[in-house]
Amino acid sequence: MASSKEFLGFVLDRLSRLSDVSYRAMMGEFVLYYRGKVVGGIYDDRFLLKSTESSRRLMPSAPLELPYEGGKEMIRVDDEKKPIF
């Protein structure tokens, strides 16, 4: 299932306090960049971050999910009641 531009807009709005966030459409999904580096993406209308030491430390209880079959596990961000950053 491809991700919607509406969900992308929602996530970008939540990230608007950060400067230099960009994205690239890729095979029906969206890869997210921060300062030119890949940090995550939108997969099946899910906001997933790369699982790194820093992201796991900041979000220790966030679930890990596969972005697509054969992909590496990523951290799912889905708490709409709290700021992402």
N, C-alpha and C. Protein backbone atom coordinates (compact mmCIF):
# COMPACT_ATOMS: atom_id res chain seq x y z
N MET A 1 0.84 -1.17 0.00
CA MET A 1 0.00 0.00 0.00
C MET A 1 0.88 1.24 0.00
N ALA A 2 0.61 2.17 -0.85
CA ALA A 2 1.38 3.41 -0.92
C ALA A 2 0.93 4.37 0.18
N SER A 3 1.84 5.21 0.60
CA SER A 3 1.53 6.21 1.61
C SER A 3 0.88 7.42 0.97
N SER A 4 0.05 8.11 1.75
CA SER A 4 -0.67 9.26 1.23
C SER A 4 0.12 10.56 1.43
N LYS A 5 -0.09 11.49 0.53
CA LYS A 5 0.53 12.81 0.67
C LYS A 5 -0.04 13.54 1.88
N GLU A 6 -1.26 13.21 2.27
CA GLU A 6 -1.86 13.83 3.45
C GLU A 6 -1.10 13.42 4.71
N PHE A 7 -0.74 12.13 4.82
CA PHE A 7 0.02 11.69 5.98
C PHE A 7 1.42 12.29 5.96
N LEU A 8 2.03 12.37 4.80
CA LEU A 8 3.33 13.02 4.68
C LEU A 8 3.23 14.46 5.18
N GLY A 9 2.20 15.18 4.76
CA GLY A 9 2.00 16.55 5.20
C GLY A 9 1.85 16.65 6.71
N PHE A 10 1.12 15.70 7.30
CA PHE A 10 0.94 15.66 8.76
C PHE A 10 2.30 15.53 9.45
N VAL A 11 3.11 14.59 8.99
CA VAL A 11 4.43 14.36 9.61
C VAL A 11 5.32 15.59 9.40
N LEU A 12 5.35 16.13 8.20
CA LEU A 12 6.18 17.32 7.95
C LEU A 12 5.74 18.49 8.80
N ASP A 13 4.44 18.61 9.04
CA ASP A 13 3.94 19.67 9.92
C ASP A 13 4.47 19.47 11.33
N ARG A 14 4.46 18.22 11.80
CA ARG A 14 4.97 17.92 13.14
C ARG A 14 6.47 18.17 13.25
N LEU A 15 7.18 18.07 12.13
CA LEU A 15 8.63 18.29 12.12
C LEU A 15 9.00 19.72 11.76
N SER A 16 8.02 20.60 11.63
CA SER A 16 8.28 21.95 11.11
C SER A 16 9.18 22.79 12.00
N ARG A 17 9.34 22.43 13.25
CA ARG A 17 10.25 23.18 14.14
C ARG A 17 11.71 22.92 13.79
N LEU A 18 11.96 21.84 13.08
CA LEU A 18 13.33 21.52 12.65
C LEU A 18 13.59 22.17 11.29
N SER A 19 14.76 22.74 11.14
CA SER A 19 15.10 23.29 9.83
C SER A 19 15.79 22.21 9.00
N ASP A 20 15.70 22.34 7.70
CA ASP A 20 16.39 21.47 6.77
C ASP A 20 15.87 20.03 6.76
N VAL A 21 14.55 19.86 6.89
CA VAL A 21 13.93 18.54 6.72
C VAL A 21 13.43 18.48 5.28
N SER A 22 13.72 17.40 4.60
CA SER A 22 13.26 17.24 3.22
C SER A 22 12.82 15.79 3.02
N TYR A 23 12.25 15.53 1.86
CA TYR A 23 11.80 14.18 1.57
C TYR A 23 11.95 13.90 0.09
N ARG A 24 11.90 12.63 -0.24
CA ARG A 24 11.93 12.18 -1.63
C ARG A 24 10.94 11.04 -1.77
N ALA A 25 10.08 11.16 -2.77
CA ALA A 25 9.15 10.08 -3.06
C ALA A 25 9.93 8.91 -3.66
N MET A 26 9.62 7.70 -3.19
CA MET A 26 10.32 6.53 -3.68
C MET A 26 9.39 5.32 -3.65
N MET A 27 8.99 4.85 -4.81
CA MET A 27 8.17 3.65 -4.97
C MET A 27 6.90 3.71 -4.12
N GLY A 28 6.21 4.83 -4.13
CA GLY A 28 4.96 4.97 -3.41
C GLY A 28 5.11 5.33 -1.94
N GLU A 29 6.32 5.45 -1.49
CA GLU A 29 6.60 5.83 -0.10
C GLU A 29 7.43 7.10 -0.10
N PHE A 30 7.84 7.57 1.09
CA PHE A 30 8.61 8.80 1.19
C PHE A 30 9.79 8.60 2.13
N VAL A 31 10.99 8.91 1.65
CA VAL A 31 12.19 8.85 2.48
C VAL A 31 12.39 10.25 3.06
N LEU A 32 12.64 10.32 4.38
CA LEU A 32 12.85 11.60 5.05
C LEU A 32 14.32 11.86 5.30
N TYR A 33 14.73 13.10 5.09
CA TYR A 33 16.11 13.52 5.28
C TYR A 33 16.17 14.66 6.29
N TYR A 34 17.20 14.68 7.08
CA TYR A 34 17.48 15.82 7.97
C TYR A 34 18.91 16.24 7.70
N ARG A 35 19.04 17.48 7.28
CA ARG A 35 20.37 18.02 6.91
C ARG A 35 21.07 17.14 5.88
N GLY A 36 20.28 16.60 4.96
CA GLY A 36 20.82 15.82 3.86
C GLY A 36 21.07 14.35 4.15
N LYS A 37 20.80 13.90 5.38
CA LYS A 37 21.02 12.50 5.74
C LYS A 37 19.69 11.80 5.94
N VAL A 38 19.60 10.56 5.51
CA VAL A 38 18.38 9.77 5.69
C VAL A 38 18.18 9.51 7.18
N VAL A 39 16.99 9.86 7.68
CA VAL A 39 16.67 9.62 9.09
C VAL A 39 15.48 8.70 9.26
N GLY A 40 14.74 8.45 8.20
CA GLY A 40 13.57 7.60 8.30
C GLY A 40 12.71 7.73 7.07
N GLY A 41 11.41 7.48 7.28
CA GLY A 41 10.52 7.58 6.13
C GLY A 41 9.08 7.34 6.51
N ILE A 42 8.24 7.47 5.51
CA ILE A 42 6.81 7.18 5.63
C ILE A 42 6.58 5.90 4.82
N TYR A 43 6.14 4.86 5.50
CA TYR A 43 5.90 3.56 4.88
C TYR A 43 4.50 3.10 5.26
N ASP A 44 3.65 2.87 4.28
CA ASP A 44 2.26 2.44 4.55
C ASP A 44 1.59 3.36 5.57
N ASP A 45 1.78 4.67 5.39
CA ASP A 45 1.24 5.69 6.30
C ASP A 45 1.67 5.47 7.75
N ARG A 46 2.91 5.05 7.92
CA ARG A 46 3.54 4.94 9.24
C ARG A 46 4.82 5.76 9.21
N PHE A 47 5.06 6.54 10.26
CA PHE A 47 6.28 7.33 10.38
C PHE A 47 7.31 6.47 11.10
N LEU A 48 8.36 6.08 10.38
CA LEU A 48 9.40 5.22 10.93
C LEU A 48 10.75 5.93 10.90
N LEU A 49 11.49 5.85 12.01
CA LEU A 49 12.82 6.42 12.11
C LEU A 49 13.86 5.31 12.08
N LYS A 50 15.05 5.64 11.55
CA LYS A 50 16.14 4.68 11.60
C LYS A 50 16.42 4.33 13.05
N SER A 51 16.68 3.08 13.29
CA SER A 51 17.01 2.63 14.63
C SER A 51 18.51 2.81 14.85
N THR A 52 18.84 3.84 15.61
CA THR A 52 20.24 4.13 15.93
C THR A 52 20.38 4.16 17.45
N GLU A 53 21.58 4.22 17.93
CA GLU A 53 21.80 4.31 19.38
C GLU A 53 21.07 5.53 19.94
N SER A 54 21.17 6.65 19.26
CA SER A 54 20.53 7.88 19.73
C SER A 54 19.01 7.79 19.70
N SER A 55 18.45 7.29 18.61
CA SER A 55 16.99 7.22 18.52
C SER A 55 16.42 6.22 19.52
N ARG A 56 17.11 5.14 19.77
CA ARG A 56 16.64 4.17 20.76
C ARG A 56 16.73 4.75 22.18
N ARG A 57 17.75 5.56 22.43
CA ARG A 57 17.90 6.19 23.74
C ARG A 57 16.79 7.22 23.97
N LEU A 58 16.42 7.97 22.93
CA LEU A 58 15.38 8.99 23.05
C LEU A 58 13.97 8.40 23.09
N MET A 59 13.80 7.22 22.49
CA MET A 59 12.47 6.60 22.41
C MET A 59 12.58 5.12 22.79
N PRO A 60 12.95 4.83 24.04
CA PRO A 60 13.23 3.44 24.42
C PRO A 60 12.03 2.49 24.36
N SER A 61 10.83 3.00 24.50
CA SER A 61 9.67 2.11 24.51
C SER A 61 8.93 2.06 23.18
N ALA A 62 9.44 2.78 22.18
CA ALA A 62 8.78 2.79 20.87
C ALA A 62 8.95 1.43 20.20
N PRO A 63 7.90 0.96 19.54
CA PRO A 63 7.98 -0.36 18.89
C PRO A 63 8.86 -0.34 17.64
N LEU A 64 9.46 -1.46 17.35
CA LEU A 64 10.24 -1.63 16.13
C LEU A 64 9.37 -2.34 15.09
N GLU A 65 9.41 -1.85 13.86
CA GLU A 65 8.63 -2.44 12.79
C GLU A 65 9.45 -2.47 11.50
N LEU A 66 9.09 -3.38 10.62
CA LEU A 66 9.73 -3.45 9.32
C LEU A 66 9.06 -2.46 8.37
N PRO A 67 9.83 -1.65 7.65
CA PRO A 67 9.23 -0.72 6.70
C PRO A 67 8.61 -1.46 5.51
N TYR A 68 9.23 -2.56 5.13
CA TYR A 68 8.79 -3.39 4.00
C TYR A 68 9.47 -4.74 4.17
N GLU A 69 8.97 -5.73 3.49
CA GLU A 69 9.53 -7.08 3.60
C GLU A 69 11.01 -7.05 3.20
N GLY A 70 11.85 -7.57 4.07
CA GLY A 70 13.28 -7.62 3.81
C GLY A 70 14.04 -6.41 4.30
N GLY A 71 13.33 -5.38 4.80
CA GLY A 71 13.98 -4.18 5.31
C GLY A 71 14.47 -4.36 6.74
N LYS A 72 15.25 -3.39 7.21
CA LYS A 72 15.72 -3.41 8.60
C LYS A 72 14.66 -2.82 9.50
N GLU A 73 14.58 -3.31 10.73
CA GLU A 73 13.62 -2.77 11.68
C GLU A 73 13.88 -1.29 11.93
N MET A 74 12.79 -0.55 12.06
CA MET A 74 12.85 0.89 12.31
C MET A 74 11.93 1.21 13.48
N ILE A 75 12.12 2.36 14.08
CA ILE A 75 11.32 2.78 15.22
C ILE A 75 10.06 3.46 14.72
N ARG A 76 8.91 2.98 15.19
CA ARG A 76 7.64 3.58 14.79
C ARG A 76 7.31 4.75 15.72
N VAL A 77 7.00 5.89 15.13
CA VAL A 77 6.59 7.07 15.87
C VAL A 77 5.09 7.22 15.64
N ASP A 78 4.30 7.09 16.71
CA ASP A 78 2.87 7.16 16.49
C ASP A 78 2.09 7.81 17.63
N ASP A 79 2.76 8.49 18.53
CA ASP A 79 2.06 9.15 19.63
C ASP A 79 1.71 10.57 19.23
N GLU A 80 0.46 10.79 18.83
CA GLU A 80 0.04 12.10 18.36
C GLU A 80 -0.18 13.10 19.48
N LYS A 81 -0.18 12.65 20.73
CA LYS A 81 -0.44 13.55 21.84
C LYS A 81 0.80 14.25 22.34
N LYS A 82 1.98 13.76 21.98
CA LYS A 82 3.23 14.35 22.44
C LYS A 82 4.01 14.87 21.24
N PRO A 83 4.80 15.93 21.45
CA PRO A 83 5.66 16.38 20.34
C PRO A 83 6.66 15.31 19.98
N ILE A 84 7.00 15.24 18.72
CA ILE A 84 7.98 14.26 18.24
C ILE A 84 9.36 14.61 18.80
N PHE A 85 9.70 15.90 18.78
CA PHE A 85 11.00 16.35 19.29
C PHE A 85 10.80 17.45 20.29
